[in-house]
Amino acid sequence: MVSLSNSAQLDQTNTYLQEVLSQYDIETECGSRTVEIPLVYGGEYGPDLKRIANYSSKSESEVIKLHSEAIYTVNFIGFSIGFPYCSGMDESISTPRLETPRKLVDAGSVGIAGNQTGIYPLSSPGGWNLIGKTPKTIFNTKNPEDSYLKMGDKIRFILITDEEFQRISS
């Protein structure tokens, strides 16, 4: 049980910490940057685009517009090595994970699970709704510290065509 004097001390400490944190610019201190990631939506690259559109009662083009206009923040890197969990997605296209995960999702696939979007850095199993694919390599297996994305980074997805995807991939 916390006594009143301890409670008052906790309140003072909490107030002090909030004041200190309000003066600390996390994005600047952590070296946050904005990264543009090319992305081709739908078709063979985003087989769940129609599912997301149906679930959100939107057209596929509305889903693409909402997804590509958002600025995402890399909040966490995990699940599989190098997988960025990104917040900032328009909640109207939030879609639950697949009931049965895929046995293999290609590296570069971009998916939606709940109110997050993420990028598969390596080919792996996965249960996110695939909306598209980037030709960009986001994870350096030989030197993980030199990977393309870091926690705190901002991401903008740039809509590209299949032809641009093929050109960038080669």
N, C-alpha and C. Protein backbone atom coordinates (compact mmCIF):
# COMPACT_ATOMS: atom_id res chain seq x y z
N MET A 1 0.85 -1.18 0.00
CA MET A 1 0.00 0.00 0.00
C MET A 1 0.89 1.25 0.00
N VAL A 2 0.52 2.23 -0.80
CA VAL A 2 1.29 3.47 -0.92
C VAL A 2 0.72 4.50 0.06
N SER A 3 1.59 5.07 0.87
CA SER A 3 1.13 6.11 1.80
C SER A 3 0.95 7.41 1.04
N LEU A 4 0.27 8.36 1.67
CA LEU A 4 0.04 9.64 1.02
C LEU A 4 1.34 10.34 0.69
N SER A 5 2.32 10.25 1.57
CA SER A 5 3.59 10.92 1.28
C SER A 5 4.28 10.27 0.08
N ASN A 6 4.21 8.94 -0.01
CA ASN A 6 4.78 8.26 -1.18
C ASN A 6 4.01 8.61 -2.45
N SER A 7 2.70 8.71 -2.32
CA SER A 7 1.86 9.07 -3.45
C SER A 7 2.22 10.47 -3.95
N ALA A 8 2.41 11.40 -3.01
CA ALA A 8 2.80 12.76 -3.38
C ALA A 8 4.16 12.78 -4.06
N GLN A 9 5.09 11.96 -3.56
CA GLN A 9 6.41 11.87 -4.18
C GLN A 9 6.30 11.29 -5.60
N LEU A 10 5.44 10.30 -5.78
CA LEU A 10 5.25 9.72 -7.11
C LEU A 10 4.65 10.77 -8.06
N ASP A 11 3.71 11.55 -7.57
CA ASP A 11 3.12 12.62 -8.39
C ASP A 11 4.17 13.65 -8.80
N GLN A 12 5.03 14.03 -7.86
CA GLN A 12 6.09 15.00 -8.15
C GLN A 12 7.06 14.43 -9.19
N THR A 13 7.43 13.18 -8.99
CA THR A 13 8.35 12.53 -9.93
C THR A 13 7.73 12.44 -11.31
N ASN A 14 6.47 12.06 -11.37
CA ASN A 14 5.76 11.96 -12.64
C ASN A 14 5.70 13.32 -13.34
N THR A 15 5.37 14.37 -12.60
CA THR A 15 5.31 15.73 -13.16
C THR A 15 6.68 16.14 -13.70
N TYR A 16 7.72 15.87 -12.92
CA TYR A 16 9.09 16.21 -13.35
C TYR A 16 9.45 15.48 -14.65
N LEU A 17 9.16 14.19 -14.70
CA LEU A 17 9.49 13.40 -15.91
C LEU A 17 8.72 13.90 -17.13
N GLN A 18 7.46 14.25 -16.95
CA GLN A 18 6.68 14.78 -18.06
C GLN A 18 7.26 16.09 -18.57
N GLU A 19 7.73 16.95 -17.66
CA GLU A 19 8.35 18.22 -18.06
C GLU A 19 9.63 17.96 -18.85
N VAL A 20 10.45 17.04 -18.38
CA VAL A 20 11.70 16.71 -19.08
C VAL A 20 11.40 16.14 -20.46
N LEU A 21 10.47 15.19 -20.52
CA LEU A 21 10.15 14.56 -21.81
C LEU A 21 9.55 15.55 -22.79
N SER A 22 8.79 16.53 -22.32
CA SER A 22 8.18 17.50 -23.23
C SER A 22 9.25 18.37 -23.91
N GLN A 23 10.44 18.46 -23.31
CA GLN A 23 11.53 19.24 -23.88
C GLN A 23 12.42 18.41 -24.79
N TYR A 24 12.17 17.13 -24.85
CA TYR A 24 13.03 16.20 -25.59
C TYR A 24 12.36 15.87 -26.92
N ASP A 25 13.00 16.19 -28.02
CA ASP A 25 12.47 15.89 -29.35
C ASP A 25 12.97 14.51 -29.77
N ILE A 26 12.13 13.52 -29.56
CA ILE A 26 12.53 12.13 -29.81
C ILE A 26 12.94 11.93 -31.26
N GLU A 27 12.19 12.48 -32.20
CA GLU A 27 12.51 12.28 -33.61
C GLU A 27 13.87 12.85 -33.97
N THR A 28 14.18 14.04 -33.47
CA THR A 28 15.47 14.64 -33.77
C THR A 28 16.59 13.87 -33.08
N GLU A 29 16.39 13.55 -31.81
CA GLU A 29 17.43 12.86 -31.05
C GLU A 29 17.72 11.47 -31.61
N CYS A 30 16.71 10.79 -32.12
CA CYS A 30 16.90 9.44 -32.64
C CYS A 30 17.29 9.44 -34.12
N GLY A 31 17.39 10.59 -34.72
CA GLY A 31 17.79 10.66 -36.12
C GLY A 31 16.69 10.24 -37.08
N SER A 32 15.45 10.48 -36.72
CA SER A 32 14.32 10.11 -37.57
C SER A 32 14.44 10.81 -38.92
N ARG A 33 14.03 10.11 -39.93
CA ARG A 33 14.06 10.67 -41.28
C ARG A 33 12.83 10.18 -42.02
N THR A 34 12.52 10.82 -43.12
CA THR A 34 11.40 10.38 -43.95
C THR A 34 11.97 9.62 -45.15
N VAL A 35 11.44 8.42 -45.35
CA VAL A 35 11.91 7.52 -46.39
C VAL A 35 10.76 7.27 -47.36
N GLU A 36 11.04 7.40 -48.65
CA GLU A 36 10.03 7.09 -49.67
C GLU A 36 10.28 5.68 -50.18
N ILE A 37 9.22 4.88 -50.17
CA ILE A 37 9.32 3.49 -50.61
C ILE A 37 8.38 3.29 -51.78
N PRO A 38 8.94 2.93 -52.95
CA PRO A 38 8.09 2.67 -54.12
C PRO A 38 7.25 1.42 -53.87
N LEU A 39 5.99 1.46 -54.32
CA LEU A 39 5.08 0.35 -54.07
C LEU A 39 4.12 0.18 -55.23
N VAL A 40 4.05 -1.04 -55.76
CA VAL A 40 3.02 -1.36 -56.75
C VAL A 40 1.90 -2.06 -55.98
N TYR A 41 0.67 -1.57 -56.18
CA TYR A 41 -0.48 -2.07 -55.44
C TYR A 41 -1.27 -3.08 -56.28
N GLY A 42 -1.89 -4.04 -55.59
CA GLY A 42 -2.84 -4.96 -56.18
C GLY A 42 -2.24 -6.00 -57.10
N GLY A 43 -3.13 -6.67 -57.84
CA GLY A 43 -2.71 -7.71 -58.77
C GLY A 43 -1.95 -8.82 -58.08
N GLU A 44 -0.96 -9.36 -58.76
CA GLU A 44 -0.14 -10.43 -58.17
C GLU A 44 0.66 -9.96 -56.96
N TYR A 45 0.90 -8.64 -56.88
CA TYR A 45 1.69 -8.09 -55.78
C TYR A 45 0.86 -7.85 -54.52
N GLY A 46 -0.42 -7.64 -54.69
CA GLY A 46 -1.31 -7.35 -53.56
C GLY A 46 -2.59 -8.15 -53.66
N PRO A 47 -2.50 -9.47 -53.48
CA PRO A 47 -3.68 -10.32 -53.70
C PRO A 47 -4.82 -10.09 -52.71
N ASP A 48 -4.59 -9.37 -51.62
CA ASP A 48 -5.66 -9.13 -50.64
C ASP A 48 -6.27 -7.74 -50.74
N LEU A 49 -5.90 -6.99 -51.77
CA LEU A 49 -6.44 -5.64 -51.93
C LEU A 49 -7.96 -5.68 -51.99
N LYS A 50 -8.52 -6.62 -52.74
CA LYS A 50 -9.98 -6.73 -52.85
C LYS A 50 -10.60 -7.07 -51.49
N ARG A 51 -9.96 -7.94 -50.71
CA ARG A 51 -10.46 -8.29 -49.37
C ARG A 51 -10.49 -7.05 -48.48
N ILE A 52 -9.43 -6.25 -48.52
CA ILE A 52 -9.36 -5.03 -47.72
C ILE A 52 -10.46 -4.06 -48.15
N ALA A 53 -10.64 -3.93 -49.47
CA ALA A 53 -11.68 -3.03 -50.00
C ALA A 53 -13.07 -3.50 -49.54
N ASN A 54 -13.35 -4.79 -49.65
CA ASN A 54 -14.65 -5.32 -49.23
C ASN A 54 -14.85 -5.12 -47.73
N TYR A 55 -13.84 -5.41 -46.94
CA TYR A 55 -13.95 -5.30 -45.48
C TYR A 55 -14.21 -3.85 -45.06
N SER A 56 -13.59 -2.91 -45.75
CA SER A 56 -13.73 -1.49 -45.39
C SER A 56 -14.85 -0.78 -46.15
N SER A 57 -15.55 -1.52 -47.02
CA SER A 57 -16.63 -0.93 -47.83
C SER A 57 -16.14 0.23 -48.68
N LYS A 58 -14.97 0.04 -49.28
CA LYS A 58 -14.38 1.05 -50.15
C LYS A 58 -14.00 0.39 -51.47
N SER A 59 -13.73 1.20 -52.47
CA SER A 59 -13.23 0.66 -53.73
C SER A 59 -11.73 0.38 -53.57
N GLU A 60 -11.20 -0.44 -54.45
CA GLU A 60 -9.76 -0.72 -54.40
C GLU A 60 -8.96 0.56 -54.60
N SER A 61 -9.42 1.44 -55.49
CA SER A 61 -8.68 2.68 -55.72
C SER A 61 -8.73 3.60 -54.49
N GLU A 62 -9.85 3.57 -53.74
CA GLU A 62 -9.92 4.36 -52.50
C GLU A 62 -8.94 3.82 -51.46
N VAL A 63 -8.84 2.48 -51.36
CA VAL A 63 -7.90 1.87 -50.41
C VAL A 63 -6.47 2.27 -50.77
N ILE A 64 -6.14 2.19 -52.06
CA ILE A 64 -4.79 2.58 -52.51
C ILE A 64 -4.52 4.04 -52.18
N LYS A 65 -5.49 4.90 -52.45
CA LYS A 65 -5.32 6.34 -52.18
C LYS A 65 -5.08 6.57 -50.68
N LEU A 66 -5.91 5.97 -49.85
CA LEU A 66 -5.77 6.16 -48.40
C LEU A 66 -4.45 5.60 -47.89
N HIS A 67 -4.05 4.44 -48.40
CA HIS A 67 -2.80 3.83 -47.94
C HIS A 67 -1.59 4.64 -48.40
N SER A 68 -1.62 5.14 -49.62
CA SER A 68 -0.45 5.83 -50.16
C SER A 68 -0.35 7.29 -49.71
N GLU A 69 -1.43 7.86 -49.20
CA GLU A 69 -1.38 9.26 -48.74
C GLU A 69 -0.88 9.40 -47.31
N ALA A 70 -0.91 8.32 -46.56
CA ALA A 70 -0.53 8.39 -45.14
C ALA A 70 0.98 8.50 -44.97
N ILE A 71 1.38 9.09 -43.86
CA ILE A 71 2.79 9.10 -43.43
C ILE A 71 2.84 8.13 -42.26
N TYR A 72 3.66 7.11 -42.39
CA TYR A 72 3.75 6.06 -41.38
C TYR A 72 4.99 6.27 -40.50
N THR A 73 4.90 5.77 -39.28
CA THR A 73 6.03 5.79 -38.37
C THR A 73 6.43 4.35 -38.07
N VAL A 74 7.72 4.04 -38.20
CA VAL A 74 8.22 2.72 -37.83
C VAL A 74 8.31 2.70 -36.31
N ASN A 75 7.38 1.97 -35.68
CA ASN A 75 7.30 1.92 -34.22
C ASN A 75 8.15 0.82 -33.62
N PHE A 76 8.32 -0.24 -34.36
CA PHE A 76 8.96 -1.42 -33.81
C PHE A 76 9.49 -2.26 -34.97
N ILE A 77 10.60 -2.92 -34.78
CA ILE A 77 11.11 -3.85 -35.79
C ILE A 77 11.21 -5.21 -35.11
N GLY A 78 10.46 -6.17 -35.66
CA GLY A 78 10.41 -7.47 -35.02
C GLY A 78 9.63 -8.48 -35.82
N PHE A 79 8.96 -9.42 -35.19
CA PHE A 79 8.25 -10.56 -35.75
C PHE A 79 9.23 -11.47 -36.45
N SER A 80 9.60 -11.10 -37.65
CA SER A 80 10.75 -11.75 -38.27
C SER A 80 11.82 -10.68 -38.29
N ILE A 81 13.03 -11.07 -38.41
CA ILE A 81 14.14 -10.12 -38.34
C ILE A 81 13.95 -9.02 -39.39
N GLY A 82 13.95 -7.78 -38.95
CA GLY A 82 13.86 -6.64 -39.85
C GLY A 82 12.46 -6.21 -40.25
N PHE A 83 11.41 -6.84 -39.73
CA PHE A 83 10.03 -6.52 -40.11
C PHE A 83 9.58 -5.25 -39.39
N PRO A 84 9.30 -4.14 -40.16
CA PRO A 84 8.87 -2.91 -39.52
C PRO A 84 7.34 -2.86 -39.30
N TYR A 85 6.95 -2.65 -38.05
CA TYR A 85 5.54 -2.41 -37.72
C TYR A 85 5.33 -0.91 -37.80
N CYS A 86 4.39 -0.49 -38.63
CA CYS A 86 4.22 0.94 -38.89
C CYS A 86 2.82 1.41 -38.53
N SER A 87 2.76 2.52 -37.78
CA SER A 87 1.48 3.14 -37.45
C SER A 87 1.27 4.33 -38.36
N GLY A 88 0.04 4.85 -38.33
CA GLY A 88 -0.28 6.04 -39.11
C GLY A 88 -1.26 5.75 -40.23
N MET A 89 -1.69 4.50 -40.34
CA MET A 89 -2.62 4.13 -41.40
C MET A 89 -4.01 4.67 -41.11
N ASP A 90 -4.70 5.07 -42.13
CA ASP A 90 -6.08 5.51 -41.99
C ASP A 90 -6.89 4.35 -41.42
N GLU A 91 -7.54 4.56 -40.29
CA GLU A 91 -8.25 3.47 -39.61
C GLU A 91 -9.41 2.91 -40.42
N SER A 92 -9.89 3.65 -41.42
CA SER A 92 -11.03 3.14 -42.20
C SER A 92 -10.64 1.95 -43.08
N ILE A 93 -9.33 1.70 -43.26
CA ILE A 93 -8.92 0.52 -44.03
C ILE A 93 -8.30 -0.56 -43.14
N SER A 94 -8.45 -0.40 -41.84
CA SER A 94 -7.97 -1.40 -40.90
C SER A 94 -8.68 -2.72 -41.18
N THR A 95 -7.92 -3.80 -41.26
CA THR A 95 -8.46 -5.11 -41.62
C THR A 95 -7.79 -6.18 -40.77
N PRO A 96 -8.56 -7.12 -40.22
CA PRO A 96 -7.94 -8.17 -39.40
C PRO A 96 -7.00 -9.06 -40.21
N ARG A 97 -6.07 -9.67 -39.50
CA ARG A 97 -5.15 -10.63 -40.13
C ARG A 97 -5.94 -11.75 -40.79
N LEU A 98 -5.28 -12.46 -41.68
CA LEU A 98 -5.89 -13.63 -42.31
C LEU A 98 -6.13 -14.71 -41.25
N GLU A 99 -7.20 -15.47 -41.41
CA GLU A 99 -7.46 -16.55 -40.45
C GLU A 99 -6.40 -17.64 -40.56
N THR A 100 -5.96 -17.91 -41.78
CA THR A 100 -4.92 -18.91 -42.01
C THR A 100 -3.74 -18.22 -42.68
N PRO A 101 -2.61 -18.13 -41.99
CA PRO A 101 -1.44 -17.48 -42.59
C PRO A 101 -0.95 -18.22 -43.84
N ARG A 102 -0.30 -17.47 -44.71
CA ARG A 102 0.33 -18.06 -45.89
C ARG A 102 1.61 -18.77 -45.47
N LYS A 103 1.94 -19.81 -46.19
CA LYS A 103 3.18 -20.53 -45.89
C LYS A 103 4.39 -19.74 -46.36
N LEU A 104 4.21 -18.89 -47.38
CA LEU A 104 5.33 -18.10 -47.88
C LEU A 104 4.84 -16.77 -48.45
N VAL A 105 5.41 -15.69 -47.94
CA VAL A 105 5.15 -14.34 -48.43
C VAL A 105 6.48 -13.82 -48.96
N ASP A 106 6.47 -13.27 -50.17
CA ASP A 106 7.70 -12.76 -50.79
C ASP A 106 8.27 -11.57 -50.03
N ALA A 107 9.59 -11.49 -50.01
CA ALA A 107 10.27 -10.31 -49.47
C ALA A 107 9.79 -9.09 -50.25
N GLY A 108 9.58 -7.99 -49.55
CA GLY A 108 9.13 -6.76 -50.18
C GLY A 108 7.62 -6.60 -50.18
N SER A 109 6.89 -7.65 -49.79
CA SER A 109 5.44 -7.56 -49.74
C SER A 109 5.03 -6.61 -48.61
N VAL A 110 4.01 -5.80 -48.88
CA VAL A 110 3.50 -4.85 -47.89
C VAL A 110 2.11 -5.30 -47.50
N GLY A 111 1.88 -5.38 -46.20
CA GLY A 111 0.61 -5.89 -45.72
C GLY A 111 -0.04 -5.00 -44.68
N ILE A 112 -1.31 -5.33 -44.42
CA ILE A 112 -2.10 -4.65 -43.41
C ILE A 112 -2.59 -5.72 -42.43
N ALA A 113 -2.45 -5.44 -41.14
CA ALA A 113 -3.00 -6.29 -40.08
C ALA A 113 -3.52 -5.36 -39.00
N GLY A 114 -4.83 -5.38 -38.80
CA GLY A 114 -5.42 -4.43 -37.86
C GLY A 114 -5.20 -3.03 -38.37
N ASN A 115 -4.70 -2.15 -37.51
CA ASN A 115 -4.50 -0.75 -37.91
C ASN A 115 -3.03 -0.44 -38.20
N GLN A 116 -2.26 -1.47 -38.55
CA GLN A 116 -0.85 -1.28 -38.89
C GLN A 116 -0.57 -1.73 -40.31
N THR A 117 0.51 -1.21 -40.85
CA THR A 117 1.02 -1.72 -42.10
C THR A 117 2.46 -2.16 -41.84
N GLY A 118 2.93 -3.10 -42.64
CA GLY A 118 4.28 -3.61 -42.45
C GLY A 118 4.86 -4.11 -43.76
N ILE A 119 6.16 -4.29 -43.77
CA ILE A 119 6.87 -4.74 -44.98
C ILE A 119 7.64 -6.01 -44.64
N TYR A 120 7.40 -7.07 -45.40
CA TYR A 120 8.13 -8.31 -45.19
C TYR A 120 9.55 -8.11 -45.72
N PRO A 121 10.55 -8.12 -44.84
CA PRO A 121 11.93 -7.87 -45.26
C PRO A 121 12.57 -9.07 -45.95
N LEU A 122 12.09 -10.25 -45.59
CA LEU A 122 12.59 -11.51 -46.14
C LEU A 122 11.39 -12.37 -46.48
N SER A 123 11.55 -13.31 -47.38
CA SER A 123 10.46 -14.25 -47.65
C SER A 123 10.26 -15.09 -46.40
N SER A 124 9.00 -15.19 -45.96
CA SER A 124 8.68 -15.91 -44.73
C SER A 124 7.19 -16.21 -44.69
N PRO A 125 6.75 -17.06 -43.77
CA PRO A 125 5.31 -17.23 -43.57
C PRO A 125 4.73 -15.92 -43.05
N GLY A 126 3.43 -15.72 -43.25
CA GLY A 126 2.82 -14.51 -42.72
C GLY A 126 1.32 -14.47 -42.92
N GLY A 127 0.65 -13.75 -42.03
CA GLY A 127 -0.80 -13.68 -42.06
C GLY A 127 -1.37 -12.30 -42.29
N TRP A 128 -0.53 -11.38 -42.77
CA TRP A 128 -1.03 -10.03 -43.04
C TRP A 128 -1.71 -9.99 -44.41
N ASN A 129 -2.65 -9.07 -44.59
CA ASN A 129 -3.33 -8.86 -45.87
C ASN A 129 -2.38 -8.14 -46.81
N LEU A 130 -2.02 -8.79 -47.90
CA LEU A 130 -1.04 -8.20 -48.82
C LEU A 130 -1.71 -7.21 -49.74
N ILE A 131 -1.19 -5.98 -49.70
CA ILE A 131 -1.76 -4.88 -50.48
C ILE A 131 -0.89 -4.53 -51.68
N GLY A 132 0.40 -4.84 -51.60
CA GLY A 132 1.32 -4.50 -52.68
C GLY A 132 2.71 -5.02 -52.39
N LYS A 133 3.65 -4.57 -53.23
CA LYS A 133 5.03 -5.03 -53.07
C LYS A 133 5.98 -3.92 -53.51
N THR A 134 7.09 -3.83 -52.77
CA THR A 134 8.14 -2.87 -53.13
C THR A 134 9.33 -3.61 -53.71
N PRO A 135 10.00 -3.02 -54.70
CA PRO A 135 11.22 -3.63 -55.21
C PRO A 135 12.43 -3.28 -54.34
N LYS A 136 12.21 -2.43 -53.35
CA LYS A 136 13.29 -1.95 -52.47
C LYS A 136 13.67 -3.03 -51.46
N THR A 137 14.96 -3.26 -51.29
CA THR A 137 15.45 -4.16 -50.24
C THR A 137 15.52 -3.36 -48.95
N ILE A 138 14.76 -3.78 -47.94
CA ILE A 138 14.72 -2.99 -46.70
C ILE A 138 15.56 -3.57 -45.58
N PHE A 139 16.05 -4.80 -45.77
CA PHE A 139 16.84 -5.41 -44.70
C PHE A 139 18.13 -5.98 -45.27
N ASN A 140 19.24 -5.64 -44.65
CA ASN A 140 20.55 -6.11 -45.07
C ASN A 140 20.93 -7.33 -44.21
N THR A 141 20.81 -8.52 -44.79
CA THR A 141 21.10 -9.74 -44.03
C THR A 141 22.57 -9.85 -43.66
N LYS A 142 23.45 -9.25 -44.45
CA LYS A 142 24.88 -9.33 -44.16
C LYS A 142 25.31 -8.35 -43.07
N ASN A 143 24.57 -7.25 -42.96
CA ASN A 143 24.88 -6.24 -41.95
C ASN A 143 23.58 -5.60 -41.48
N PRO A 144 22.87 -6.26 -40.52
CA PRO A 144 21.57 -5.75 -40.07
C PRO A 144 21.59 -4.30 -39.60
N GLU A 145 22.71 -3.84 -39.04
CA GLU A 145 22.79 -2.45 -38.57
C GLU A 145 22.71 -1.45 -39.73
N ASP A 146 22.96 -1.94 -40.94
CA ASP A 146 22.94 -1.10 -42.12
C ASP A 146 21.63 -1.24 -42.89
N SER A 147 20.58 -1.73 -42.25
CA SER A 147 19.30 -1.92 -42.91
C SER A 147 18.67 -0.58 -43.26
N TYR A 148 17.76 -0.61 -44.22
CA TYR A 148 17.18 0.61 -44.78
C TYR A 148 16.30 1.37 -43.78
N LEU A 149 15.53 0.65 -42.96
CA LEU A 149 14.61 1.30 -42.03
C LEU A 149 15.05 1.13 -40.59
N LYS A 150 14.78 2.16 -39.79
CA LYS A 150 15.10 2.14 -38.37
C LYS A 150 13.85 2.59 -37.59
N MET A 151 13.78 2.21 -36.32
CA MET A 151 12.67 2.67 -35.49
C MET A 151 12.67 4.20 -35.47
N GLY A 152 11.47 4.77 -35.58
CA GLY A 152 11.33 6.22 -35.58
C GLY A 152 11.27 6.82 -36.97
N ASP A 153 11.72 6.08 -37.99
CA ASP A 153 11.66 6.60 -39.36
C ASP A 153 10.21 6.83 -39.77
N LYS A 154 10.02 7.79 -40.64
CA LYS A 154 8.73 8.04 -41.28
C LYS A 154 8.79 7.42 -42.67
N ILE A 155 7.67 6.86 -43.11
CA ILE A 155 7.60 6.22 -44.43
C ILE A 155 6.47 6.83 -45.23
N ARG A 156 6.77 7.10 -46.49
CA ARG A 156 5.75 7.45 -47.49
C ARG A 156 5.85 6.41 -48.59
N PHE A 157 4.72 5.78 -48.91
CA PHE A 157 4.70 4.83 -50.02
C PHE A 157 4.39 5.60 -51.29
N ILE A 158 5.23 5.40 -52.31
CA ILE A 158 5.08 6.07 -53.59
C ILE A 158 4.53 5.06 -54.60
N LEU A 159 3.35 5.35 -55.12
CA LEU A 159 2.68 4.47 -56.07
C LEU A 159 3.49 4.36 -57.36
N ILE A 160 3.81 3.11 -57.76
CA ILE A 160 4.51 2.88 -59.02
C ILE A 160 3.74 1.84 -59.84
N THR A 161 4.07 1.76 -61.11
CA THR A 161 3.45 0.78 -62.00
C THR A 161 4.25 -0.52 -62.00
N ASP A 162 3.67 -1.54 -62.58
CA ASP A 162 4.37 -2.82 -62.72
C ASP A 162 5.65 -2.64 -63.54
N GLU A 163 5.59 -1.81 -64.58
CA GLU A 163 6.78 -1.56 -65.41
C GLU A 163 7.89 -0.89 -64.59
N GLU A 164 7.52 0.07 -63.76
CA GLU A 164 8.53 0.72 -62.89
C GLU A 164 9.09 -0.29 -61.88
N PHE A 165 8.22 -1.15 -61.36
CA PHE A 165 8.67 -2.19 -60.43
C PHE A 165 9.73 -3.06 -61.10
N GLN A 166 9.45 -3.51 -62.32
CA GLN A 166 10.40 -4.37 -63.05
C GLN A 166 11.72 -3.65 -63.32
N ARG A 167 11.63 -2.37 -63.70
CA ARG A 167 12.84 -1.60 -63.98
C ARG A 167 13.69 -1.41 -62.72
N ILE A 168 13.05 -1.07 -61.59
CA ILE A 168 13.77 -0.86 -60.34
C ILE A 168 14.36 -2.18 -59.84
N SER A 169 13.64 -3.29 -60.06
CA SER A 169 14.08 -4.60 -59.59
C SER A 169 15.32 -5.10 -60.30
N SER A 170 15.50 -4.66 -61.57
CA SER A 170 16.65 -5.22 -62.31
C SER A 170 17.95 -4.53 -62.03
